[in-house]
């Protein structure tokens, strides 16, 4: 029983869990920013190409 209690205490004191959660949150935010940036650049490029295509007609 003492071994189990020691394992529980060690688990609660372990800081690698919150660190992994923090990294996951940072990764999610980076992915969201990348998707937003790529979408914006894609829309701007599409608009530019449509303007060029209309001008060349």
PDB file of N, CA and C in Angstrom:
ATOM      1  N   UNK A   1       0.830  -1.197   0.000  1.00  0.00           N
ATOM      2  CA  UNK A   1       0.000   0.000   0.000  1.00  0.00           C
ATOM      3  C   UNK A   1       0.867   1.251   0.000  1.00  0.00           C
ATOM      4  N   UNK A   2       1.972   1.202   0.726  1.00  0.00           N
ATOM      5  CA  UNK A   2       2.865   2.366   0.790  1.00  0.00           C
ATOM      6  C   UNK A   2       3.463   2.657  -0.584  1.00  0.00           C
ATOM      7  N   UNK A   3       3.766   1.592  -1.344  1.00  0.00           N
ATOM      8  CA  UNK A   3       4.302   1.765  -2.693  1.00  0.00           C
ATOM      9  C   UNK A   3       3.287   2.484  -3.575  1.00  0.00           C
ATOM     10  N   UNK A   4       2.025   2.110  -3.483  1.00  0.00           N
ATOM     11  CA  UNK A   4       0.966   2.763  -4.257  1.00  0.00           C
ATOM     12  C   UNK A   4       0.851   4.231  -3.882  1.00  0.00           C
ATOM     13  N   UNK A   5       0.898   4.531  -2.595  1.00  0.00           N
ATOM     14  CA  UNK A   5       0.815   5.912  -2.121  1.00  0.00           C
ATOM     15  C   UNK A   5       2.000   6.724  -2.633  1.00  0.00           C
ATOM     16  N   UNK A   6       3.180   6.135  -2.597  1.00  0.00           N
ATOM     17  CA  UNK A   6       4.354   6.829  -3.115  1.00  0.00           C
ATOM     18  C   UNK A   6       4.228   7.117  -4.611  1.00  0.00           C
ATOM     19  N   UNK A   7       3.668   6.180  -5.349  1.00  0.00           N
ATOM     20  CA  UNK A   7       3.478   6.386  -6.783  1.00  0.00           C
ATOM     21  C   UNK A   7       2.472   7.503  -7.049  1.00  0.00           C
ATOM     22  N   UNK A   8       1.407   7.556  -6.271  1.00  0.00           N
ATOM     23  CA  UNK A   8       0.412   8.611  -6.440  1.00  0.00           C
ATOM     24  C   UNK A   8       1.019   9.969  -6.124  1.00  0.00           C
ATOM     25  N   UNK A   9       1.778  10.057  -5.050  1.00  0.00           N
ATOM     26  CA  UNK A   9       2.428  11.318  -4.678  1.00  0.00           C
ATOM     27  C   UNK A   9       3.412  11.734  -5.760  1.00  0.00           C
ATOM     28  N   UNK A  10       4.192  10.798  -6.267  1.00  0.00           N
ATOM     29  CA  UNK A  10       5.155  11.104  -7.325  1.00  0.00           C
ATOM     30  C   UNK A  10       4.436  11.578  -8.589  1.00  0.00           C
ATOM     31  N   UNK A  11       3.295  10.944  -8.906  1.00  0.00           N
ATOM     32  CA  UNK A  11       2.516  11.347 -10.074  1.00  0.00           C
ATOM     33  C   UNK A  11       1.989  12.772  -9.917  1.00  0.00           C
ATOM     34  N   UNK A  12       1.501  13.106  -8.731  1.00  0.00           N
ATOM     35  CA  UNK A  12       0.957  14.447  -8.505  1.00  0.00           C
ATOM     36  C   UNK A  12       2.044  15.517  -8.505  1.00  0.00           C
ATOM     37  N   UNK A  13       3.260  15.162  -8.109  1.00  0.00           N
ATOM     38  CA  UNK A  13       4.363  16.128  -8.102  1.00  0.00           C
ATOM     39  C   UNK A  13       5.034  16.252  -9.467  1.00  0.00           C
ATOM     40  N   UNK A  14       4.801  15.286 -10.332  1.00  0.00           N
ATOM     41  CA  UNK A  14       5.445  15.281 -11.647  1.00  0.00           C
ATOM     42  C   UNK A  14       4.938  16.445 -12.479  1.00  0.00           C
ATOM     43  N   UNK A  15       5.853  17.230 -13.029  1.00  0.00           N
ATOM     44  CA  UNK A  15       5.472  18.405 -13.808  1.00  0.00           C
ATOM     45  C   UNK A  15       5.532  18.159 -15.311  1.00  0.00           C
ATOM     46  N   UNK A  16       5.822  16.967 -15.744  1.00  0.00           N
ATOM     47  CA  UNK A  16       5.891  16.710 -17.178  1.00  0.00           C
ATOM     48  C   UNK A  16       4.498  16.699 -17.810  1.00  0.00           C
ATOM     49  N   UNK A  17       3.472  16.360 -17.054  1.00  0.00           N
ATOM     50  CA  UNK A  17       2.107  16.370 -17.584  1.00  0.00           C
ATOM     51  C   UNK A  17       1.654  17.754 -17.977  1.00  0.00           C
ATOM     52  N   UNK A  18       1.728  18.729 -17.080  1.00  0.00           N
ATOM     53  CA  UNK A  18       1.332  20.085 -17.470  1.00  0.00           C
ATOM     54  C   UNK A  18       2.193  20.638 -18.594  1.00  0.00           C
ATOM     55  N   UNK A  19       3.453  20.261 -18.641  1.00  0.00           N
ATOM     56  CA  UNK A  19       4.314  20.732 -19.714  1.00  0.00           C
ATOM     57  C   UNK A  19       3.825  20.196 -21.053  1.00  0.00           C
ATOM     58  N   UNK A  20       3.431  18.943 -21.100  1.00  0.00           N
ATOM     59  CA  UNK A  20       2.909  18.363 -22.336  1.00  0.00           C
ATOM     60  C   UNK A  20       1.627  19.068 -22.755  1.00  0.00           C
ATOM     61  N   UNK A  21       0.785  19.399 -21.793  1.00  0.00           N
ATOM     62  CA  UNK A  21      -0.457  20.112 -22.102  1.00  0.00           C
ATOM     63  C   UNK A  21      -0.142  21.500 -22.642  1.00  0.00           C
ATOM     64  N   UNK A  22       0.823  22.168 -22.053  1.00  0.00           N
ATOM     65  CA  UNK A  22       1.204  23.497 -22.530  1.00  0.00           C
ATOM     66  C   UNK A  22       1.737  23.427 -23.957  1.00  0.00           C
ATOM     67  N   UNK A  23       2.557  22.419 -24.245  1.00  0.00           N
ATOM     68  CA  UNK A  23       3.061  22.261 -25.608  1.00  0.00           C
ATOM     69  C   UNK A  23       1.925  21.978 -26.584  1.00  0.00           C
ATOM     70  N   UNK A  24       0.960  21.189 -26.179  1.00  0.00           N
ATOM     71  CA  UNK A  24      -0.177  20.884 -27.050  1.00  0.00           C
ATOM     72  C   UNK A  24      -0.991  22.143 -27.337  1.00  0.00           C
ATOM     73  N   UNK A  25      -1.186  22.980 -26.336  1.00  0.00           N
ATOM     74  CA  UNK A  25      -1.922  24.232 -26.534  1.00  0.00           C
ATOM     75  C   UNK A  25      -1.150  25.160 -27.466  1.00  0.00           C
ATOM     76  N   UNK A  26       0.157  25.270 -27.261  1.00  0.00           N
ATOM     77  CA  UNK A  26       0.968  26.120 -28.144  1.00  0.00           C
ATOM     78  C   UNK A  26       0.926  25.606 -29.575  1.00  0.00           C
ATOM     79  N   UNK A  27       1.008  24.301 -29.754  1.00  0.00           N
ATOM     80  CA  UNK A  27       0.950  23.721 -31.091  1.00  0.00           C
ATOM     81  C   UNK A  27      -0.393  24.007 -31.746  1.00  0.00           C
ATOM     82  N   UNK A  28      -1.472  23.872 -30.984  1.00  0.00           N
ATOM     83  CA  UNK A  28      -2.808  24.155 -31.529  1.00  0.00           C
ATOM     84  C   UNK A  28      -2.917  25.615 -31.964  1.00  0.00           C
ATOM     85  N   UNK A  29      -2.397  26.533 -31.168  1.00  0.00           N
ATOM     86  CA  UNK A  29      -2.446  27.951 -31.534  1.00  0.00           C
ATOM     87  C   UNK A  29      -1.603  28.229 -32.772  1.00  0.00           C
ATOM     88  N   UNK A  30      -0.445  27.605 -32.873  1.00  0.00           N
ATOM     89  CA  UNK A  30       0.397  27.788 -34.055  1.00  0.00           C
ATOM     90  C   UNK A  30      -0.310  27.267 -35.302  1.00  0.00           C
ATOM     91  N   UNK A  31      -0.960  26.121 -35.185  1.00  0.00           N
ATOM     92  CA  UNK A  31      -1.687  25.552 -36.322  1.00  0.00           C
ATOM     93  C   UNK A  31      -2.825  26.478 -36.740  1.00  0.00           C
ATOM     94  N   UNK A  32      -3.551  27.036 -35.774  1.00  0.00           N
ATOM     95  CA  UNK A  32      -4.654  27.946 -36.088  1.00  0.00           C
ATOM     96  C   UNK A  32      -4.140  29.180 -36.809  1.00  0.00           C
ATOM     97  N   UNK A  33      -3.035  29.740 -36.343  1.00  0.00           N
ATOM     98  CA  UNK A  33      -2.457  30.922 -36.996  1.00  0.00           C
ATOM     99  C   UNK A  33      -1.992  30.575 -38.410  1.00  0.00           C
ATOM    100  N   UNK A  34      -1.365  29.426 -38.582  1.00  0.00           N
ATOM    101  CA  UNK A  34      -0.910  29.015 -39.913  1.00  0.00           C
ATOM    102  C   UNK A  34      -2.077  28.834 -40.876  1.00  0.00           C
ATOM    103  N   UNK A  35      -3.129  28.192 -40.426  1.00  0.00           N
ATOM    104  CA  UNK A  35      -4.294  27.988 -41.285  1.00  0.00           C
ATOM    105  C   UNK A  35      -4.910  29.329 -41.666  1.00  0.00           C
ATOM    106  N   UNK A  36      -5.015  30.235 -40.708  1.00  0.00           N
ATOM    107  CA  UNK A  36      -5.562  31.565 -41.004  1.00  0.00           C
ATOM    108  C   UNK A  36      -4.703  32.321 -41.997  1.00  0.00           C
ATOM    109  N   UNK A  37      -3.392  32.250 -41.825  1.00  0.00           N
ATOM    110  CA  UNK A  37      -2.472  32.942 -42.735  1.00  0.00           C
ATOM    111  C   UNK A  37      -2.540  32.352 -44.137  1.00  0.00           C
ATOM    112  N   UNK A  38      -2.530  31.040 -44.233  1.00  0.00           N
ATOM    113  CA  UNK A  38      -2.591  30.385 -45.542  1.00  0.00           C
ATOM    114  C   UNK A  38      -3.901  30.707 -46.242  1.00  0.00           C
ATOM    115  N   UNK A  39      -4.991  30.728 -45.509  1.00  0.00           N
ATOM    116  CA  UNK A  39      -6.292  31.068 -46.089  1.00  0.00           C
ATOM    117  C   UNK A  39      -6.288  32.495 -46.617  1.00  0.00           C
ATOM    118  N   UNK A  40      -5.758  33.416 -45.836  1.00  0.00           N
ATOM    119  CA  UNK A  40      -5.719  34.816 -46.253  1.00  0.00           C
ATOM    120  C   UNK A  40      -4.838  35.005 -47.484  1.00  0.00           C
ATOM    121  N   UNK A  41      -3.664  34.397 -47.482  1.00  0.00           N
ATOM    122  CA  UNK A  41      -2.764  34.504 -48.634  1.00  0.00           C
ATOM    123  C   UNK A  41      -3.410  33.877 -49.863  1.00  0.00           C
ATOM    124  N   UNK A  42      -4.069  32.747 -49.685  1.00  0.00           N
ATOM    125  CA  UNK A  42      -4.744  32.089 -50.809  1.00  0.00           C
ATOM    126  C   UNK A  42      -5.854  32.948 -51.395  1.00  0.00           C
ATOM    127  N   UNK A  43      -6.640  33.558 -50.517  1.00  0.00           N
ATOM    128  CA  UNK A  43      -7.712  34.429 -51.006  1.00  0.00           C
ATOM    129  C   UNK A  43      -7.151  35.650 -51.728  1.00  0.00           C
ATOM    130  N   UNK A  44      -6.093  36.235 -51.201  1.00  0.00           N
ATOM    131  CA  UNK A  44      -5.472  37.386 -51.856  1.00  0.00           C
ATOM    132  C   UNK A  44      -4.883  37.000 -53.208  1.00  0.00           C
ATOM    133  N   UNK A  45      -4.265  35.840 -53.285  1.00  0.00           N
ATOM    134  CA  UNK A  45      -3.693  35.375 -54.557  1.00  0.00           C
ATOM    135  C   UNK A  45      -4.801  35.117 -55.572  1.00  0.00           C
ATOM    136  N   UNK A  46      -5.894  34.521 -55.128  1.00  0.00           N
ATOM    137  CA  UNK A  46      -7.009  34.252 -56.044  1.00  0.00           C
ATOM    138  C   UNK A  46      -7.578  35.554 -56.592  1.00  0.00           C
ATOM    139  N   UNK A  47      -7.754  36.529 -55.714  1.00  0.00           N
ATOM    140  CA  UNK A  47      -8.263  37.830 -56.154  1.00  0.00           C
ATOM    141  C   UNK A  47      -7.311  38.477 -57.151  1.00  0.00           C
ATOM    142  N   UNK A  48      -6.023  38.400 -56.881  1.00  0.00           N
ATOM    143  CA  UNK A  48      -5.016  38.993 -57.779  1.00  0.00           C
ATOM    144  C   UNK A  48      -5.057  38.317 -59.143  1.00  0.00           C
ATOM    145  N   UNK A  49      -5.114  36.984 -59.157  1.00  0.00           N
ATOM    146  CA  UNK A  49      -5.149  36.261 -60.432  1.00  0.00           C
ATOM    147  C   UNK A  49      -6.436  36.540 -61.190  1.00  0.00           C
ATOM    148  N   UNK A  50      -7.550  36.668 -60.489  1.00  0.00           N
ATOM    149  CA  UNK A  50      -8.808  37.003 -61.164  1.00  0.00           C
ATOM    150  C   UNK A  50      -8.737  38.399 -61.780  1.00  0.00           C
ATOM    151  N   UNK A  51      -8.119  39.332 -61.077  1.00  0.00           N
ATOM    152  CA  UNK A  51      -7.952  40.680 -61.620  1.00  0.00           C
ATOM    153  C   UNK A  51      -7.072  40.660 -62.865  1.00  0.00           C
ATOM    154  N   UNK A  52      -6.001  39.895 -62.837  1.00  0.00           N
ATOM    155  CA  UNK A  52      -5.106  39.792 -63.993  1.00  0.00           C
ATOM    156  C   UNK A  52      -5.834  39.129 -65.167  1.00  0.00           C
ATOM    157  N   UNK A  53      -6.589  38.074 -64.871  1.00  0.00           N
ATOM    158  CA  UNK A  53      -7.329  37.373 -65.934  1.00  0.00           C
ATOM    159  C   UNK A  53      -8.373  38.288 -66.566  1.00  0.00           C
ATOM    160  N   UNK A  54      -9.049  39.088 -65.758  1.00  0.00           N
ATOM    161  CA  UNK A  54     -10.054  40.009 -66.284  1.00  0.00           C
ATOM    162  C   UNK A  54      -9.391  41.091 -67.125  1.00  0.00           C
ATOM    163  N   UNK A  55      -8.227  41.555 -66.712  1.00  0.00           N
ATOM    164  CA  UNK A  55      -7.517  42.594 -67.451  1.00  0.00           C
ATOM    165  C   UNK A  55      -7.037  42.069 -68.795  1.00  0.00           C
ATOM    166  N   UNK A  56      -6.628  40.817 -68.872  1.00  0.00           N
ATOM    167  CA  UNK A  56      -6.098  40.258 -70.098  1.00  0.00           C
ATOM    168  C   UNK A  56      -7.186  39.904 -71.109  1.00  0.00           C
ATOM    169  N   UNK A  57      -8.411  39.864 -70.739  1.00  0.00           N
ATOM    170  CA  UNK A  57      -9.502  39.488 -71.668  1.00  0.00           C
ATOM    171  C   UNK A  57      -9.792  40.556 -72.647  1.00  0.00           C
TER     172      UNK A  57
END
